[in-house]
Amino acid sequence: MKISDSMVKSINDQIKAEYDSAYIYLAMSAYFEDAGLKGMAHWMKKQYAEEVEHAEKFIDYLYQRGARVIIPDIAKPKDSYNNALDVFKTAYEHEQYVTSRIYKLVEQATNEKDYATISFLKWYVDEQMEEEDNTSGIVSQLEFLGDDKRGVYTVDRELAAR
């Protein structure tokens, strides 16, 4: 079964969202580097690489289905934050946004009875559950610590181990 033009457009839109996500995380990594929080910078750099990988998986999928890939413009990300908690809250909210986008793709594929795309998207559904869990866990830690700089330093060191 041929993938629909509307599904191809939606997946191309998701490719843009994945690359935008990558740049958001790269900017967050730069923020943490500037703040001297090398572990958090490292964690965000890993997130950046994962988002690029996610975009490439979508690209490969479209090629596998014989569809055209449109490489998008990438939006300039925010580059200033109040503190580590602000960054991770933003990351968590962003992951919730990405999850909503993935769910819309699943809904569209289901409505179109595009079972190949439904199967392909299952990995993303599972991945988004993990992404939300990881970022919300860090938010909870940082909220608990409040202004405790030593605590933030400890979290920074933990995130360096990723």
Protein backbone atom coordinates (compact mmCIF):
# COMPACT_ATOMS: atom_id res chain seq x y z
CA MET A 1 0.00 0.00 0.00
CA LYS A 2 1.32 3.43 -0.96
CA ILE A 3 1.76 5.99 1.80
CA SER A 4 -0.67 8.88 1.38
CA ASP A 5 0.46 12.35 0.39
CA SER A 6 -1.03 13.73 3.60
CA MET A 7 0.96 11.24 5.71
CA VAL A 8 4.14 12.12 3.82
CA LYS A 9 3.48 15.80 4.55
CA SER A 10 2.84 15.08 8.22
CA ILE A 11 6.02 13.04 8.55
CA ASN A 12 8.02 15.75 6.77
CA ASP A 13 6.56 18.21 9.29
CA GLN A 14 7.71 15.87 12.07
CA ILE A 15 11.21 15.77 10.58
CA LYS A 16 11.28 19.54 11.01
CA ALA A 17 10.04 19.20 14.60
CA GLU A 18 12.80 16.67 15.35
CA TYR A 19 15.52 18.93 13.95
CA ASP A 20 14.03 21.89 15.84
CA SER A 21 14.18 19.73 18.98
CA ALA A 22 17.82 18.91 18.29
CA TYR A 23 18.67 22.60 18.06
CA ILE A 24 16.72 23.36 21.23
CA TYR A 25 18.82 20.80 23.09
CA LEU A 26 22.04 22.04 21.52
CA ALA A 27 21.21 25.57 22.71
CA MET A 28 20.44 24.21 26.18
CA SER A 29 23.80 22.44 26.16
CA ALA A 30 25.50 25.72 25.28
CA TYR A 31 23.64 27.47 28.11
CA PHE A 32 24.90 24.86 30.59
CA GLU A 33 28.47 25.08 29.24
CA ASP A 34 28.38 28.83 29.80
CA ALA A 35 27.02 28.26 33.32
CA GLY A 36 29.85 25.81 34.14
CA LEU A 37 27.45 22.87 34.49
CA LYS A 38 29.35 20.42 32.30
CA GLY A 39 27.29 17.37 33.29
CA MET A 40 24.02 19.01 32.31
CA ALA A 41 25.66 20.27 29.12
CA HIS A 42 26.73 16.70 28.35
CA TRP A 43 23.20 15.39 29.03
CA MET A 44 21.70 17.96 26.67
CA LYS A 45 24.30 17.20 24.00
CA LYS A 46 23.21 13.55 24.17
CA GLN A 47 19.59 14.70 23.77
CA TYR A 48 20.65 16.72 20.73
CA ALA A 49 22.20 13.61 19.13
CA GLU A 50 19.08 11.55 19.90
CA GLU A 51 16.83 14.10 18.22
CA VAL A 52 18.98 14.07 15.10
CA GLU A 53 18.74 10.27 15.13
CA HIS A 54 14.94 10.53 15.44
CA ALA A 55 14.79 12.83 12.40
CA GLU A 56 17.00 10.45 10.42
CA LYS A 57 14.74 7.50 11.28
CA PHE A 58 11.78 9.41 9.86
CA ILE A 59 13.81 10.27 6.75
CA ASP A 60 14.82 6.63 6.23
CA TYR A 61 11.21 5.55 6.72
CA LEU A 62 9.96 7.90 4.02
CA TYR A 63 12.64 6.64 1.63
CA GLN A 64 11.67 3.06 2.46
CA ARG A 65 8.07 3.90 1.55
CA GLY A 66 9.17 5.53 -1.73
CA ALA A 67 8.21 9.02 -0.59
CA ARG A 68 9.90 12.37 -1.02
CA VAL A 69 11.78 13.89 1.92
CA ILE A 70 11.76 17.66 2.37
CA ILE A 71 14.68 18.93 4.45
CA PRO A 72 13.32 21.84 6.50
CA ASP A 73 14.53 25.15 7.76
CA ILE A 74 15.39 24.93 11.43
CA ALA A 75 14.04 27.50 13.86
CA LYS A 76 16.46 29.44 16.07
CA PRO A 77 16.06 28.17 19.63
CA LYS A 78 15.85 30.15 22.84
CA ASP A 79 19.32 30.65 24.29
CA SER A 80 18.72 32.23 27.69
CA TYR A 81 17.23 30.74 30.84
CA ASN A 82 16.87 31.67 34.52
CA ASN A 83 18.55 28.55 35.92
CA ALA A 84 18.89 24.78 35.55
CA LEU A 85 15.32 24.19 36.70
CA ASP A 86 13.99 26.58 34.07
CA VAL A 87 15.92 24.70 31.38
CA PHE A 88 14.66 21.28 32.42
CA LYS A 89 11.08 22.51 32.83
CA THR A 90 11.30 23.83 29.28
CA ALA A 91 12.74 20.49 28.12
CA TYR A 92 9.92 18.58 29.83
CA GLU A 93 7.26 20.83 28.30
CA HIS A 94 8.93 20.38 24.92
CA GLU A 95 8.86 16.60 25.28
CA GLN A 96 5.14 16.78 26.07
CA TYR A 97 4.68 18.80 22.89
CA VAL A 98 6.62 16.23 20.84
CA THR A 99 4.54 13.44 22.37
CA SER A 100 1.35 15.22 21.29
CA ARG A 101 2.75 15.43 17.76
CA ILE A 102 3.58 11.72 17.70
CA TYR A 103 0.08 10.87 18.96
CA LYS A 104 -1.42 12.96 16.14
CA LEU A 105 0.67 11.00 13.64
CA VAL A 106 -0.58 7.71 15.13
CA GLU A 107 -4.15 9.00 14.96
CA GLN A 108 -3.72 10.01 11.33
CA ALA A 109 -2.14 6.68 10.41
CA THR A 110 -4.96 4.85 12.19
CA ASN A 111 -7.61 6.88 10.38
CA GLU A 112 -5.89 6.13 7.08
CA LYS A 113 -5.48 2.43 7.97
CA ASP A 114 -1.76 2.82 7.26
CA TYR A 115 -0.61 -0.15 9.30
CA ALA A 116 3.04 0.15 8.26
CA THR A 117 3.20 3.69 9.65
CA ILE A 118 1.33 2.65 12.81
CA SER A 119 3.94 -0.07 13.37
CA PHE A 120 6.80 2.34 12.67
CA LEU A 121 5.42 4.95 15.08
CA LYS A 122 5.16 2.51 18.00
CA TRP A 123 8.89 3.01 18.65
CA TYR A 124 8.31 6.78 18.93
CA VAL A 125 5.39 6.34 21.32
CA ASP A 126 7.61 4.22 23.59
CA GLU A 127 10.52 6.65 23.21
CA GLN A 128 8.39 9.62 24.19
CA MET A 129 7.24 7.89 27.37
CA GLU A 130 10.91 7.50 28.29
CA GLU A 131 11.79 11.08 27.33
CA GLU A 132 8.97 12.54 29.44
CA ASP A 133 9.89 10.32 32.38
CA ASN A 134 13.57 11.33 32.22
CA THR A 135 12.98 15.07 31.99
CA SER A 136 10.19 15.13 34.58
CA GLY A 137 12.42 13.19 36.98
CA ILE A 138 15.17 15.78 36.67
CA VAL A 139 12.63 18.58 37.12
CA SER A 140 11.43 16.91 40.34
CA GLN A 141 14.99 16.65 41.66
CA LEU A 142 15.76 20.28 40.88
CA GLU A 143 12.46 21.47 42.37
CA PHE A 144 13.23 19.54 45.55
CA LEU A 145 16.68 21.12 45.77
CA GLY A 146 15.47 24.68 45.25
CA ASP A 147 18.40 27.10 45.55
CA ASP A 148 20.79 24.50 47.04
CA LYS A 149 23.84 25.00 44.81
CA ARG A 150 25.58 21.91 46.19
CA GLY A 151 22.53 19.84 45.31
CA VAL A 152 22.46 21.23 41.78
CA TYR A 153 26.17 20.39 41.52
CA THR A 154 25.39 16.82 42.59
CA VAL A 155 22.69 16.50 39.93
CA ASP A 156 25.14 17.96 37.41
CA ARG A 157 27.67 15.25 38.27
CA GLU A 158 24.99 12.54 38.00
CA LEU A 159 23.95 13.74 34.55
CA ALA A 160 27.56 13.67 33.39
CA ALA A 161 27.43 9.87 33.68
CA ARG A 162 24.90 9.55 30.86
